[in-house]
Amino acid sequence: MWISHIPYPQSEGRLRSLYDRIKGPDDNVDNIMLAHSLRPHSMEGHMALYKYVLHHASNAIPKWFLETIGVYVSSLNACAYCVDHHFAGLRRLLNNDDRAGAIRRALQAGVFTDVFTPAEAAALRYAEALTLKPQAADELRSRIEATRAAGFDDGRILEVNQVVAYFNYANRTVLGLGVTTDGDILGLSPGNSNNPDDWSHG
């Protein structure tokens, strides 16, 4: 990491209480969160956004596909940190290495027809356009219309939009601060979707 940070054992006060909310086994705190340690309020905002966008019971899209969108966006942004973390989480959610491998190959190739439903494929194309050409209003509108026509209602399209926006934020946090996976436990996430205030990683 290219800026200083406060490790868990040296933390205290508000920072320690936030670390305790998000930590995994053996007091492990993911490096993307350690990167916020000099400004705990931004860590709190990051975790709230992450939990609500990706791990909330009110989402209609299955969590594995939200993670798939995150892996694809991170791949487009060449953010290996988020690809590695979220592909590990995706594989754990699917509990099917063959399926996970097929998804990863499809994302790498940008060929979705044999692996995803038409609605999922259209959503991934929207995610691609929003990540690479966020100023291209006509294309983005067309991608939304195609996703709607393929079967996603507007609420699901909003979910896709928010996951894409979150991962572009997270990717730039990681890439802009030189965050690596050194010492991280890959694939942990807040598993209790029914409690939006439970941020613990397990």
Protein backbone atom coordinates (compact mmCIF):
# COMPACT_ATOMS: atom_id res chain seq x y z
CA MET A 1 0.00 0.00 0.00
CA TRP A 2 1.32 3.40 -0.96
CA ILE A 3 -0.01 5.27 2.08
CA SER A 4 0.36 4.48 5.76
CA HIS A 5 -2.33 2.59 7.61
CA ILE A 6 -3.13 1.48 11.14
CA PRO A 7 -3.05 -2.31 11.68
CA TYR A 8 -5.71 -3.92 13.84
CA PRO A 9 -3.45 -4.41 16.92
CA GLN A 10 -2.56 -0.70 16.97
CA SER A 11 -6.12 0.54 16.45
CA GLU A 12 -8.24 2.14 19.14
CA GLY A 13 -11.43 4.10 19.67
CA ARG A 14 -13.73 4.55 16.67
CA LEU A 15 -11.32 2.79 14.32
CA ARG A 16 -11.14 -0.29 16.57
CA SER A 17 -14.92 -0.45 16.83
CA LEU A 18 -15.22 -0.36 13.02
CA TYR A 19 -12.52 -2.99 12.61
CA ASP A 20 -14.40 -5.18 15.07
CA ARG A 21 -17.56 -4.84 12.97
CA ILE A 22 -15.88 -5.89 9.71
CA LYS A 23 -13.11 -8.25 10.71
CA GLY A 24 -12.90 -11.90 9.75
CA PRO A 25 -11.13 -14.83 11.43
CA ASP A 26 -8.09 -14.06 13.61
CA ASP A 27 -8.89 -10.32 13.58
CA ASN A 28 -8.16 -10.17 9.85
CA VAL A 29 -9.23 -6.92 8.18
CA ASP A 30 -9.16 -6.80 4.38
CA ASN A 31 -6.54 -4.45 3.00
CA ILE A 32 -9.14 -2.43 1.10
CA MET A 33 -10.58 -1.48 4.49
CA LEU A 34 -7.18 -0.93 6.10
CA ALA A 35 -6.59 1.64 3.36
CA HIS A 36 -9.30 3.81 5.00
CA SER A 37 -7.81 3.64 8.49
CA LEU A 38 -6.57 7.26 8.57
CA ARG A 39 -10.17 8.38 7.91
CA PRO A 40 -12.48 5.90 9.61
CA HIS A 41 -15.59 7.79 8.47
CA SER A 42 -14.77 6.91 4.86
CA MET A 43 -14.37 3.23 5.85
CA GLU A 44 -17.81 3.37 7.44
CA GLY A 45 -19.29 4.87 4.27
CA HIS A 46 -17.54 2.29 2.10
CA MET A 47 -18.80 -0.63 4.17
CA ALA A 48 -22.37 0.68 4.29
CA LEU A 49 -22.43 1.06 0.51
CA TYR A 50 -20.85 -2.38 -0.02
CA LYS A 51 -23.26 -4.11 2.34
CA TYR A 52 -26.39 -2.47 0.99
CA VAL A 53 -25.51 -2.83 -2.69
CA LEU A 54 -24.16 -6.38 -2.67
CA HIS A 55 -25.33 -8.08 0.51
CA HIS A 56 -28.85 -6.91 1.31
CA ALA A 57 -31.86 -9.21 1.58
CA SER A 58 -34.01 -6.80 -0.46
CA ASN A 59 -31.99 -7.38 -3.62
CA ALA A 60 -33.89 -9.43 -6.20
CA ILE A 61 -30.85 -10.53 -8.21
CA PRO A 62 -29.05 -13.58 -6.76
CA LYS A 63 -25.89 -12.69 -4.90
CA TRP A 64 -23.76 -14.93 -7.13
CA PHE A 65 -24.71 -12.84 -10.17
CA LEU A 66 -24.08 -9.55 -8.37
CA GLU A 67 -20.61 -10.92 -7.57
CA THR A 68 -20.23 -11.93 -11.23
CA ILE A 69 -20.92 -8.35 -12.29
CA GLY A 70 -18.30 -7.19 -9.79
CA VAL A 71 -15.72 -9.62 -11.15
CA TYR A 72 -16.43 -8.48 -14.70
CA VAL A 73 -16.20 -4.76 -13.88
CA SER A 74 -12.99 -5.36 -11.95
CA SER A 75 -11.55 -7.33 -14.84
CA LEU A 76 -12.37 -4.49 -17.26
CA ASN A 77 -10.57 -2.12 -14.89
CA ALA A 78 -7.59 -4.52 -14.51
CA CYS A 79 -8.13 -4.58 -10.73
CA ALA A 80 -6.66 -7.95 -9.80
CA TYR A 81 -7.36 -7.36 -6.10
CA CYS A 82 -11.13 -7.21 -6.58
CA VAL A 83 -11.14 -9.94 -9.23
CA ASP A 84 -9.32 -12.32 -6.88
CA HIS A 85 -11.45 -11.48 -3.84
CA HIS A 86 -14.81 -11.54 -5.54
CA PHE A 87 -14.19 -14.53 -7.77
CA ALA A 88 -13.27 -16.47 -4.61
CA GLY A 89 -16.55 -15.29 -3.08
CA LEU A 90 -18.47 -16.18 -6.25
CA ARG A 91 -16.99 -19.67 -6.30
CA ARG A 92 -17.91 -20.17 -2.65
CA LEU A 93 -21.50 -19.03 -3.28
CA LEU A 94 -21.92 -21.35 -6.27
CA ASN A 95 -20.26 -24.33 -4.57
CA ASN A 96 -19.61 -25.63 -8.09
CA ASP A 97 -16.08 -25.29 -9.44
CA ASP A 98 -17.07 -26.27 -12.98
CA ARG A 99 -19.74 -23.57 -13.11
CA ALA A 100 -17.40 -21.01 -11.56
CA GLY A 101 -14.67 -21.87 -14.06
CA ALA A 102 -17.10 -21.52 -16.98
CA ILE A 103 -18.18 -18.11 -15.70
CA ARG A 104 -14.60 -16.93 -15.34
CA ARG A 105 -13.71 -18.06 -18.87
CA ALA A 106 -16.81 -16.36 -20.28
CA LEU A 107 -15.95 -13.09 -18.54
CA GLN A 108 -12.35 -13.24 -19.76
CA ALA A 109 -13.47 -13.89 -23.33
CA GLY A 110 -16.41 -11.48 -23.23
CA VAL A 111 -18.63 -14.20 -24.72
CA PHE A 112 -21.73 -14.76 -22.59
CA THR A 113 -24.29 -16.68 -24.67
CA ASP A 114 -23.45 -20.22 -23.56
CA VAL A 115 -23.04 -19.44 -19.86
CA PHE A 116 -25.63 -16.82 -18.95
CA THR A 117 -29.32 -16.25 -19.58
CA PRO A 118 -30.20 -13.54 -22.12
CA ALA A 119 -31.08 -11.16 -19.28
CA GLU A 120 -27.79 -11.82 -17.47
CA ALA A 121 -25.83 -11.38 -20.70
CA ALA A 122 -27.59 -8.09 -21.42
CA ALA A 123 -26.89 -6.89 -17.88
CA LEU A 124 -23.20 -7.68 -18.33
CA ARG A 125 -23.15 -5.67 -21.58
CA TYR A 126 -24.71 -2.75 -19.71
CA ALA A 127 -22.06 -3.14 -16.99
CA GLU A 128 -19.36 -3.12 -19.65
CA ALA A 129 -20.66 0.03 -21.32
CA LEU A 130 -21.13 1.86 -18.01
CA THR A 131 -17.58 0.99 -16.94
CA LEU A 132 -15.79 1.76 -20.20
CA LYS A 133 -17.98 4.52 -21.69
CA PRO A 134 -19.92 6.19 -18.87
CA GLN A 135 -20.45 9.30 -20.98
CA ALA A 136 -22.10 7.41 -23.89
CA ALA A 137 -25.72 8.22 -23.07
CA ASP A 138 -27.25 6.73 -26.20
CA GLU A 139 -25.42 3.43 -25.79
CA LEU A 140 -26.24 3.23 -22.10
CA ARG A 141 -29.92 3.88 -22.76
CA SER A 142 -29.86 1.21 -25.47
CA ARG A 143 -28.20 -1.26 -23.10
CA ILE A 144 -30.86 -0.61 -20.47
CA GLU A 145 -33.60 -1.16 -23.03
CA ALA A 146 -31.98 -4.42 -24.14
CA THR A 147 -31.69 -5.60 -20.52
CA ARG A 148 -35.33 -4.75 -19.90
CA ALA A 149 -36.41 -6.52 -23.10
CA ALA A 150 -34.42 -9.60 -22.05
CA GLY A 151 -36.34 -9.88 -18.79
CA PHE A 152 -34.88 -7.66 -16.05
CA ASP A 153 -37.36 -5.19 -14.58
CA ASP A 154 -36.25 -1.67 -13.69
CA GLY A 155 -35.57 -2.57 -10.06
CA ARG A 156 -33.10 -5.24 -11.15
CA ILE A 157 -31.54 -2.80 -13.62
CA LEU A 158 -31.04 -0.39 -10.72
CA GLU A 159 -29.34 -3.17 -8.75
CA VAL A 160 -26.97 -3.79 -11.67
CA ASN A 161 -26.26 -0.07 -11.96
CA GLN A 162 -25.40 0.21 -8.28
CA VAL A 163 -23.10 -2.82 -8.31
CA VAL A 164 -21.27 -1.44 -11.35
CA ALA A 165 -20.93 1.97 -9.71
CA TYR A 166 -19.71 0.41 -6.45
CA PHE A 167 -17.04 -1.70 -8.14
CA ASN A 168 -15.74 1.21 -10.17
CA TYR A 169 -15.37 3.07 -6.86
CA ALA A 170 -13.73 0.11 -5.13
CA ASN A 171 -11.40 -0.56 -8.07
CA ARG A 172 -10.18 3.02 -8.04
CA THR A 173 -9.70 2.93 -4.28
CA VAL A 174 -7.51 -0.16 -4.66
CA LEU A 175 -5.62 0.86 -7.80
CA GLY A 176 -5.11 4.44 -6.67
CA LEU A 177 -3.56 3.42 -3.33
CA GLY A 178 -1.57 0.37 -4.39
CA VAL A 179 -3.61 -2.06 -2.29
CA THR A 180 -2.62 -5.73 -2.63
CA THR A 181 -4.03 -9.00 -1.32
CA ASP A 182 -0.96 -9.68 0.84
CA GLY A 183 -2.25 -11.06 4.15
CA ASP A 184 -5.91 -11.03 3.08
CA ILE A 185 -8.19 -14.05 3.32
CA LEU A 186 -9.76 -14.19 -0.13
CA GLY A 187 -13.48 -14.48 -0.65
CA LEU A 188 -14.85 -13.51 2.75
CA SER A 189 -17.93 -11.29 2.78
CA PRO A 190 -20.75 -10.15 5.08
CA GLY A 191 -22.90 -13.25 4.92
CA ASN A 192 -25.89 -12.17 6.99
CA SER A 193 -27.95 -10.44 4.31
CA ASN A 194 -31.00 -10.20 6.60
CA ASN A 195 -29.20 -7.83 8.97
CA PRO A 196 -27.86 -4.75 7.15
CA ASP A 197 -25.91 -3.75 10.25
CA ASP A 198 -23.96 -7.02 10.41
CA TRP A 199 -20.74 -6.28 8.55
CA SER A 200 -18.66 -9.18 9.87
CA HIS A 201 -16.72 -11.14 7.25
CA GLY A 202 -16.98 -14.89 7.45
